[in-house]
Amino acid sequence: MSELEKNLIKRVTVSEQQKSAKSSRTYRGFSTVDGKNTGFAKYDFDIIKQDLINHFHIRQGEKLTDPKFGTIIWDLLYEPFTIDLQEAIVQNVTDIVNYDSRISVEEIVVDTYEQGITVDCTLTFLPYSISENLRFKFDQKNGLL
């Protein structure tokens, strides 16, 4: 390499590119549940959703240090679906979503199907101001789908 080329390389500066909001990784975690990933690492939206799903997998009263933590839906699958039951589920889902400060709930629709209860949530991911619809199916035979 000539002296001129060496001097030119010294004078050239490359500015660092800023990461876009989409590529930054604010929230980090891992999950062994999702078989589609090649690794266990999850970031941002994926980890927020996985945290919410994990919360719905816990029956209320199962967590030793916090008996109010978890959902009541698992105990209500075989109960007659009344307006009072529907309101109790909506309140419980609202409490679960509000437990995570990264999410806020816009709308919750609770309904039944042949073998369980469906919960449709419209959620806003607060750090990103993005809304998304999620459907949780609590099945009597297969668990959370």
N, C-alpha and C. Protein backbone atom coordinates (compact mmCIF):
# COMPACT_ATOMS: atom_id res chain seq x y z
N MET A 1 0.85 -1.16 0.00
CA MET A 1 0.00 0.00 0.00
C MET A 1 0.90 1.23 0.00
N SER A 2 0.59 2.15 -0.85
CA SER A 2 1.43 3.35 -0.98
C SER A 2 1.18 4.31 0.18
N GLU A 3 2.08 5.25 0.34
CA GLU A 3 1.98 6.26 1.40
C GLU A 3 0.73 7.12 1.20
N LEU A 4 0.40 7.41 -0.02
CA LEU A 4 -0.78 8.21 -0.34
C LEU A 4 -2.06 7.49 0.10
N GLU A 5 -2.12 6.19 -0.16
CA GLU A 5 -3.28 5.40 0.24
C GLU A 5 -3.40 5.34 1.76
N LYS A 6 -2.29 5.20 2.46
CA LYS A 6 -2.31 5.16 3.92
C LYS A 6 -2.82 6.46 4.50
N ASN A 7 -2.37 7.58 3.95
CA ASN A 7 -2.84 8.89 4.42
C ASN A 7 -4.32 9.08 4.13
N LEU A 8 -4.77 8.60 3.00
CA LEU A 8 -6.17 8.71 2.64
C LEU A 8 -7.04 7.91 3.60
N ILE A 9 -6.61 6.72 3.95
CA ILE A 9 -7.36 5.88 4.89
C ILE A 9 -7.44 6.55 6.26
N LYS A 10 -6.38 7.21 6.69
CA LYS A 10 -6.38 7.90 7.99
C LYS A 10 -7.37 9.06 8.00
N ARG A 11 -7.54 9.73 6.87
CA ARG A 11 -8.42 10.90 6.81
C ARG A 11 -9.89 10.54 6.65
N VAL A 12 -10.15 9.39 6.12
CA VAL A 12 -11.54 8.98 5.91
C VAL A 12 -12.10 8.50 7.24
N THR A 13 -13.23 9.08 7.62
CA THR A 13 -13.92 8.65 8.84
C THR A 13 -15.29 8.14 8.46
N VAL A 14 -15.66 7.08 9.06
CA VAL A 14 -16.97 6.49 8.82
C VAL A 14 -17.82 6.74 10.05
N SER A 15 -18.93 7.44 9.85
CA SER A 15 -19.81 7.71 10.99
C SER A 15 -20.62 6.46 11.31
N GLU A 16 -20.89 6.28 12.59
CA GLU A 16 -21.68 5.12 13.00
C GLU A 16 -23.13 5.34 12.63
N GLN A 17 -23.74 4.30 12.13
CA GLN A 17 -25.15 4.40 11.77
C GLN A 17 -25.98 4.20 13.03
N GLN A 18 -27.02 5.01 13.14
CA GLN A 18 -27.92 4.85 14.27
C GLN A 18 -28.84 3.67 14.00
N LYS A 19 -29.14 2.95 15.05
CA LYS A 19 -30.06 1.84 14.91
C LYS A 19 -31.48 2.37 14.81
N SER A 20 -32.23 1.78 13.93
CA SER A 20 -33.63 2.18 13.84
C SER A 20 -34.38 1.56 15.01
N ALA A 21 -35.56 2.09 15.29
CA ALA A 21 -36.36 1.58 16.41
C ALA A 21 -36.71 0.12 16.19
N LYS A 22 -36.86 -0.27 14.94
CA LYS A 22 -37.24 -1.64 14.65
C LYS A 22 -36.12 -2.62 14.95
N SER A 23 -34.86 -2.21 14.72
CA SER A 23 -33.76 -3.14 14.91
C SER A 23 -33.15 -3.06 16.32
N SER A 24 -33.51 -2.06 17.10
CA SER A 24 -32.97 -2.00 18.45
C SER A 24 -33.63 -3.07 19.31
N ARG A 25 -32.94 -3.51 20.30
CA ARG A 25 -33.46 -4.58 21.15
C ARG A 25 -33.55 -4.07 22.57
N THR A 26 -34.68 -3.45 22.87
CA THR A 26 -34.89 -2.86 24.18
C THR A 26 -35.16 -3.93 25.22
N TYR A 27 -36.08 -4.85 24.91
CA TYR A 27 -36.46 -5.90 25.85
C TYR A 27 -35.86 -7.21 25.37
N ARG A 28 -35.22 -7.91 26.30
CA ARG A 28 -34.55 -9.17 25.96
C ARG A 28 -35.01 -10.26 26.90
N GLY A 29 -35.09 -11.44 26.39
CA GLY A 29 -35.46 -12.58 27.21
C GLY A 29 -35.23 -13.85 26.43
N PHE A 30 -35.73 -14.96 26.97
CA PHE A 30 -35.59 -16.22 26.26
C PHE A 30 -36.82 -17.07 26.51
N SER A 31 -37.07 -17.96 25.59
CA SER A 31 -38.19 -18.88 25.72
C SER A 31 -37.81 -20.18 25.03
N THR A 32 -38.13 -21.27 25.67
CA THR A 32 -37.86 -22.58 25.08
C THR A 32 -39.12 -23.16 24.44
N VAL A 33 -40.20 -22.40 24.45
CA VAL A 33 -41.48 -22.90 23.98
C VAL A 33 -41.62 -22.85 22.47
N ASP A 34 -41.21 -21.77 21.85
CA ASP A 34 -41.43 -21.55 20.43
C ASP A 34 -40.47 -22.39 19.61
N GLY A 35 -40.99 -23.36 18.88
CA GLY A 35 -40.15 -24.24 18.08
C GLY A 35 -39.71 -23.65 16.76
N LYS A 36 -40.28 -22.51 16.35
CA LYS A 36 -39.92 -21.91 15.07
C LYS A 36 -38.57 -21.21 15.11
N ASN A 37 -38.16 -20.76 16.28
CA ASN A 37 -36.90 -20.04 16.40
C ASN A 37 -35.72 -21.00 16.36
N THR A 38 -34.62 -20.52 15.81
CA THR A 38 -33.41 -21.34 15.81
C THR A 38 -32.70 -21.24 17.15
N GLY A 39 -32.93 -20.17 17.90
CA GLY A 39 -32.35 -20.01 19.22
C GLY A 39 -33.44 -19.72 20.23
N PHE A 40 -33.04 -19.56 21.46
CA PHE A 40 -34.01 -19.33 22.52
C PHE A 40 -34.23 -17.85 22.80
N ALA A 41 -33.42 -16.98 22.23
CA ALA A 41 -33.52 -15.54 22.52
C ALA A 41 -34.77 -14.94 21.88
N LYS A 42 -35.40 -14.04 22.62
CA LYS A 42 -36.55 -13.29 22.12
C LYS A 42 -36.34 -11.83 22.46
N TYR A 43 -36.87 -10.96 21.62
CA TYR A 43 -36.67 -9.54 21.80
C TYR A 43 -37.97 -8.78 21.59
N ASP A 44 -38.09 -7.66 22.25
CA ASP A 44 -39.12 -6.65 22.07
C ASP A 44 -40.53 -7.25 22.01
N PHE A 45 -41.22 -7.18 20.86
CA PHE A 45 -42.61 -7.64 20.78
C PHE A 45 -42.74 -9.09 21.17
N ASP A 46 -41.82 -9.91 20.69
CA ASP A 46 -41.92 -11.35 20.95
C ASP A 46 -41.82 -11.65 22.44
N ILE A 47 -40.93 -10.99 23.14
CA ILE A 47 -40.79 -11.27 24.57
C ILE A 47 -41.95 -10.69 25.37
N ILE A 48 -42.49 -9.56 24.94
CA ILE A 48 -43.66 -8.99 25.62
C ILE A 48 -44.85 -9.94 25.47
N LYS A 49 -45.06 -10.45 24.26
CA LYS A 49 -46.16 -11.40 24.03
C LYS A 49 -45.94 -12.68 24.82
N GLN A 50 -44.71 -13.18 24.85
CA GLN A 50 -44.43 -14.41 25.58
C GLN A 50 -44.66 -14.22 27.08
N ASP A 51 -44.30 -13.07 27.61
CA ASP A 51 -44.56 -12.78 29.03
C ASP A 51 -46.06 -12.80 29.32
N LEU A 52 -46.85 -12.24 28.41
CA LEU A 52 -48.30 -12.23 28.58
C LEU A 52 -48.87 -13.64 28.50
N ILE A 53 -48.40 -14.43 27.55
CA ILE A 53 -48.85 -15.82 27.43
C ILE A 53 -48.48 -16.61 28.68
N ASN A 54 -47.28 -16.40 29.19
CA ASN A 54 -46.86 -17.09 30.41
C ASN A 54 -47.78 -16.75 31.57
N HIS A 55 -48.21 -15.49 31.66
CA HIS A 55 -49.11 -15.07 32.73
C HIS A 55 -50.44 -15.81 32.62
N PHE A 56 -50.93 -15.99 31.39
CA PHE A 56 -52.20 -16.70 31.20
C PHE A 56 -52.08 -18.19 31.45
N HIS A 57 -50.89 -18.75 31.45
CA HIS A 57 -50.71 -20.17 31.74
C HIS A 57 -50.79 -20.46 33.24
N ILE A 58 -50.74 -19.46 34.06
CA ILE A 58 -50.73 -19.66 35.52
C ILE A 58 -52.14 -19.49 36.07
N ARG A 59 -52.63 -20.49 36.76
CA ARG A 59 -53.92 -20.38 37.45
C ARG A 59 -53.76 -19.44 38.64
N GLN A 60 -54.82 -18.70 38.92
CA GLN A 60 -54.76 -17.83 40.09
C GLN A 60 -54.64 -18.71 41.33
N GLY A 61 -53.66 -18.41 42.17
CA GLY A 61 -53.41 -19.18 43.38
C GLY A 61 -52.24 -20.13 43.26
N GLU A 62 -51.70 -20.35 42.07
CA GLU A 62 -50.57 -21.27 41.89
C GLU A 62 -49.24 -20.66 42.29
N LYS A 63 -49.11 -19.37 42.20
CA LYS A 63 -47.84 -18.73 42.54
C LYS A 63 -47.78 -18.54 44.05
N LEU A 64 -46.81 -19.14 44.69
CA LEU A 64 -46.75 -19.16 46.15
C LEU A 64 -46.61 -17.77 46.76
N THR A 65 -45.80 -16.92 46.15
CA THR A 65 -45.55 -15.61 46.74
C THR A 65 -46.64 -14.59 46.45
N ASP A 66 -47.52 -14.88 45.49
CA ASP A 66 -48.58 -13.94 45.13
C ASP A 66 -49.83 -14.71 44.71
N PRO A 67 -50.72 -15.03 45.64
CA PRO A 67 -51.89 -15.85 45.31
C PRO A 67 -52.89 -15.16 44.38
N LYS A 68 -52.80 -13.85 44.21
CA LYS A 68 -53.70 -13.13 43.29
C LYS A 68 -53.17 -13.12 41.86
N PHE A 69 -51.94 -13.58 41.66
CA PHE A 69 -51.31 -13.61 40.34
C PHE A 69 -51.90 -14.75 39.51
N GLY A 70 -52.11 -14.52 38.23
CA GLY A 70 -52.61 -15.56 37.34
C GLY A 70 -54.03 -15.29 36.88
N THR A 71 -54.58 -16.25 36.17
CA THR A 71 -55.92 -16.08 35.60
C THR A 71 -56.93 -17.01 36.25
N ILE A 72 -58.17 -16.55 36.26
CA ILE A 72 -59.27 -17.34 36.81
C ILE A 72 -59.93 -18.20 35.73
N ILE A 73 -59.56 -18.00 34.48
CA ILE A 73 -60.25 -18.65 33.37
C ILE A 73 -60.16 -20.17 33.45
N TRP A 74 -59.02 -20.70 33.88
CA TRP A 74 -58.87 -22.16 33.94
C TRP A 74 -59.89 -22.79 34.88
N ASP A 75 -60.27 -22.08 35.92
CA ASP A 75 -61.25 -22.62 36.87
C ASP A 75 -62.68 -22.43 36.40
N LEU A 76 -62.89 -21.67 35.33
CA LEU A 76 -64.24 -21.34 34.87
C LEU A 76 -64.62 -22.04 33.57
N LEU A 77 -63.78 -22.89 33.05
CA LEU A 77 -64.05 -23.53 31.76
C LEU A 77 -65.32 -24.38 31.76
N TYR A 78 -65.66 -24.99 32.88
CA TYR A 78 -66.82 -25.88 32.93
C TYR A 78 -68.03 -25.21 33.56
N GLU A 79 -67.93 -23.92 33.84
CA GLU A 79 -69.05 -23.18 34.43
C GLU A 79 -69.98 -22.68 33.33
N PRO A 80 -71.28 -22.52 33.65
CA PRO A 80 -72.20 -21.92 32.66
C PRO A 80 -71.76 -20.49 32.33
N PHE A 81 -71.76 -20.15 31.06
CA PHE A 81 -71.27 -18.84 30.61
C PHE A 81 -72.39 -17.81 30.76
N THR A 82 -72.33 -17.02 31.81
CA THR A 82 -73.32 -15.98 32.08
C THR A 82 -72.68 -14.61 31.89
N ILE A 83 -73.51 -13.58 31.97
CA ILE A 83 -73.01 -12.21 31.85
C ILE A 83 -72.05 -11.90 33.00
N ASP A 84 -72.38 -12.35 34.21
CA ASP A 84 -71.49 -12.11 35.36
C ASP A 84 -70.13 -12.79 35.17
N LEU A 85 -70.17 -14.00 34.64
CA LEU A 85 -68.92 -14.72 34.38
C LEU A 85 -68.10 -14.01 33.31
N GLN A 86 -68.77 -13.54 32.28
CA GLN A 86 -68.09 -12.82 31.21
C GLN A 86 -67.44 -11.54 31.75
N GLU A 87 -68.15 -10.80 32.59
CA GLU A 87 -67.60 -9.57 33.18
C GLU A 87 -66.41 -9.88 34.09
N ALA A 88 -66.48 -10.98 34.83
CA ALA A 88 -65.37 -11.37 35.71
C ALA A 88 -64.13 -11.71 34.88
N ILE A 89 -64.33 -12.39 33.75
CA ILE A 89 -63.20 -12.73 32.88
C ILE A 89 -62.60 -11.47 32.27
N VAL A 90 -63.45 -10.55 31.81
CA VAL A 90 -62.95 -9.30 31.23
C VAL A 90 -62.13 -8.53 32.27
N GLN A 91 -62.61 -8.47 33.51
CA GLN A 91 -61.88 -7.77 34.56
C GLN A 91 -60.55 -8.46 34.85
N ASN A 92 -60.55 -9.79 34.88
CA ASN A 92 -59.32 -10.53 35.14
C ASN A 92 -58.30 -10.33 34.02
N VAL A 93 -58.75 -10.37 32.77
CA VAL A 93 -57.85 -10.16 31.64
C VAL A 93 -57.31 -8.73 31.66
N THR A 94 -58.15 -7.76 32.00
CA THR A 94 -57.69 -6.37 32.12
C THR A 94 -56.62 -6.25 33.19
N ASP A 95 -56.82 -6.89 34.32
CA ASP A 95 -55.82 -6.85 35.40
C ASP A 95 -54.50 -7.49 34.96
N ILE A 96 -54.59 -8.59 34.22
CA ILE A 96 -53.38 -9.28 33.75
C ILE A 96 -52.61 -8.40 32.77
N VAL A 97 -53.31 -7.79 31.84
CA VAL A 97 -52.64 -6.93 30.85
C VAL A 97 -52.05 -5.71 31.54
N ASN A 98 -52.77 -5.13 32.48
CA ASN A 98 -52.27 -3.95 33.19
C ASN A 98 -51.12 -4.27 34.13
N TYR A 99 -50.92 -5.54 34.47
CA TYR A 99 -49.81 -5.95 35.31
C TYR A 99 -48.47 -5.66 34.63
N ASP A 100 -48.47 -5.74 33.30
CA ASP A 100 -47.27 -5.46 32.51
C ASP A 100 -47.33 -4.01 32.04
N SER A 101 -46.40 -3.20 32.48
CA SER A 101 -46.42 -1.76 32.17
C SER A 101 -46.07 -1.46 30.72
N ARG A 102 -45.66 -2.46 29.96
CA ARG A 102 -45.31 -2.24 28.55
C ARG A 102 -46.52 -2.34 27.63
N ILE A 103 -47.67 -2.76 28.18
CA ILE A 103 -48.87 -3.01 27.38
C ILE A 103 -50.05 -2.27 28.00
N SER A 104 -50.96 -1.81 27.15
CA SER A 104 -52.25 -1.33 27.64
C SER A 104 -53.34 -1.99 26.80
N VAL A 105 -54.50 -2.16 27.41
CA VAL A 105 -55.60 -2.84 26.75
C VAL A 105 -56.55 -1.81 26.16
N GLU A 106 -56.98 -2.05 24.93
CA GLU A 106 -57.96 -1.18 24.29
C GLU A 106 -59.34 -1.82 24.30
N GLU A 107 -59.38 -3.13 24.01
CA GLU A 107 -60.67 -3.82 23.93
C GLU A 107 -60.47 -5.29 24.28
N ILE A 108 -61.47 -5.85 24.97
CA ILE A 108 -61.46 -7.27 25.30
C ILE A 108 -62.83 -7.83 24.95
N VAL A 109 -62.84 -8.91 24.19
CA VAL A 109 -64.08 -9.60 23.84
C VAL A 109 -63.93 -11.05 24.28
N VAL A 110 -64.87 -11.49 25.12
CA VAL A 110 -64.85 -12.86 25.64
C VAL A 110 -66.04 -13.61 25.06
N ASP A 111 -65.78 -14.82 24.58
CA ASP A 111 -66.85 -15.63 24.00
C ASP A 111 -66.54 -17.09 24.29
N THR A 112 -67.51 -17.94 24.02
CA THR A 112 -67.30 -19.37 24.21
C THR A 112 -67.32 -20.07 22.85
N TYR A 113 -66.78 -21.25 22.84
CA TYR A 113 -66.90 -22.14 21.69
C TYR A 113 -67.10 -23.53 22.25
N GLU A 114 -67.18 -24.54 21.41
CA GLU A 114 -67.55 -25.88 21.84
C GLU A 114 -66.80 -26.38 23.06
N GLN A 115 -65.49 -26.18 23.09
CA GLN A 115 -64.69 -26.79 24.15
C GLN A 115 -63.93 -25.79 25.00
N GLY A 116 -64.40 -24.55 25.08
CA GLY A 116 -63.67 -23.61 25.91
C GLY A 116 -64.10 -22.17 25.76
N ILE A 117 -63.17 -21.29 26.08
CA ILE A 117 -63.42 -19.85 26.09
C ILE A 117 -62.36 -19.18 25.22
N THR A 118 -62.80 -18.21 24.40
CA THR A 118 -61.86 -17.41 23.62
C THR A 118 -61.84 -15.99 24.17
N VAL A 119 -60.65 -15.42 24.20
CA VAL A 119 -60.47 -14.03 24.62
C VAL A 119 -59.74 -13.31 23.49
N ASP A 120 -60.41 -12.33 22.91
CA ASP A 120 -59.81 -11.49 21.87
C ASP A 120 -59.43 -10.17 22.50
N CYS A 121 -58.16 -9.82 22.42
CA CYS A 121 -57.65 -8.58 23.03
C CYS A 121 -57.07 -7.68 21.96
N THR A 122 -57.39 -6.41 22.04
CA THR A 122 -56.69 -5.41 21.25
C THR A 122 -55.76 -4.70 22.21
N LEU A 123 -54.46 -4.85 21.99
CA LEU A 123 -53.45 -4.34 22.91
C LEU A 123 -52.60 -3.30 22.22
N THR A 124 -52.10 -2.36 23.02
CA THR A 124 -51.15 -1.37 22.52
C THR A 124 -49.82 -1.61 23.23
N PHE A 125 -48.77 -1.77 22.45
CA PHE A 125 -47.43 -1.89 23.00
C PHE A 125 -46.91 -0.47 23.21
N LEU A 126 -46.90 -0.03 24.45
CA LEU A 126 -46.65 1.38 24.77
C LEU A 126 -45.31 1.91 24.30
N PRO A 127 -44.21 1.19 24.43
CA PRO A 127 -42.94 1.78 23.98
C PRO A 127 -42.91 2.07 22.48
N TYR A 128 -43.78 1.39 21.72
CA TYR A 128 -43.74 1.51 20.27
C TYR A 128 -45.00 2.16 19.69
N SER A 129 -46.03 2.37 20.52
CA SER A 129 -47.31 2.92 20.07
C SER A 129 -47.89 2.11 18.91
N ILE A 130 -47.83 0.81 19.03
CA ILE A 130 -48.35 -0.09 18.01
C ILE A 130 -49.43 -0.96 18.64
N SER A 131 -50.56 -1.07 17.94
CA SER A 131 -51.66 -1.91 18.41
C SER A 131 -51.67 -3.24 17.67
N GLU A 132 -52.11 -4.26 18.38
CA GLU A 132 -52.19 -5.59 17.77
C GLU A 132 -53.32 -6.36 18.41
N ASN A 133 -53.96 -7.21 17.63
CA ASN A 133 -55.02 -8.08 18.14
C ASN A 133 -54.42 -9.44 18.46
N LEU A 134 -54.74 -9.95 19.65
CA LEU A 134 -54.30 -11.28 20.05
C LEU A 134 -55.52 -12.10 20.44
N ARG A 135 -55.51 -13.37 20.08
CA ARG A 135 -56.60 -14.27 20.45
C ARG A 135 -56.03 -15.40 21.30
N PHE A 136 -56.65 -15.57 22.46
CA PHE A 136 -56.27 -16.66 23.36
C PHE A 136 -57.45 -17.63 23.42
N LYS A 137 -57.17 -18.91 23.19
CA LYS A 137 -58.21 -19.93 23.29
C LYS A 137 -57.87 -20.83 24.47
N PHE A 138 -58.74 -20.81 25.45
CA PHE A 138 -58.58 -21.66 26.62
C PHE A 138 -59.43 -22.90 26.38
N ASP A 139 -58.77 -24.00 26.06
CA ASP A 139 -59.44 -25.21 25.64
C ASP A 139 -59.53 -26.20 26.80
N GLN A 140 -60.68 -26.85 26.93
CA GLN A 140 -60.87 -27.80 28.03
C GLN A 140 -59.94 -29.00 27.92
N LYS A 141 -59.60 -29.40 26.72
CA LYS A 141 -58.78 -30.59 26.54
C LYS A 141 -57.31 -30.29 26.28
N ASN A 142 -57.04 -29.19 25.57
CA ASN A 142 -55.68 -28.94 25.10
C ASN A 142 -54.96 -27.79 25.77
N GLY A 143 -55.59 -27.11 26.70
CA GLY A 143 -54.94 -25.98 27.36
C GLY A 143 -55.05 -24.70 26.55
N LEU A 144 -54.06 -23.85 26.67
CA LEU A 144 -54.04 -22.55 25.98
C LEU A 144 -53.54 -22.74 24.56
N LEU A 145 -54.37 -22.35 23.59
CA LEU A 145 -54.01 -22.50 22.17
C LEU A 145 -53.71 -21.15 21.57
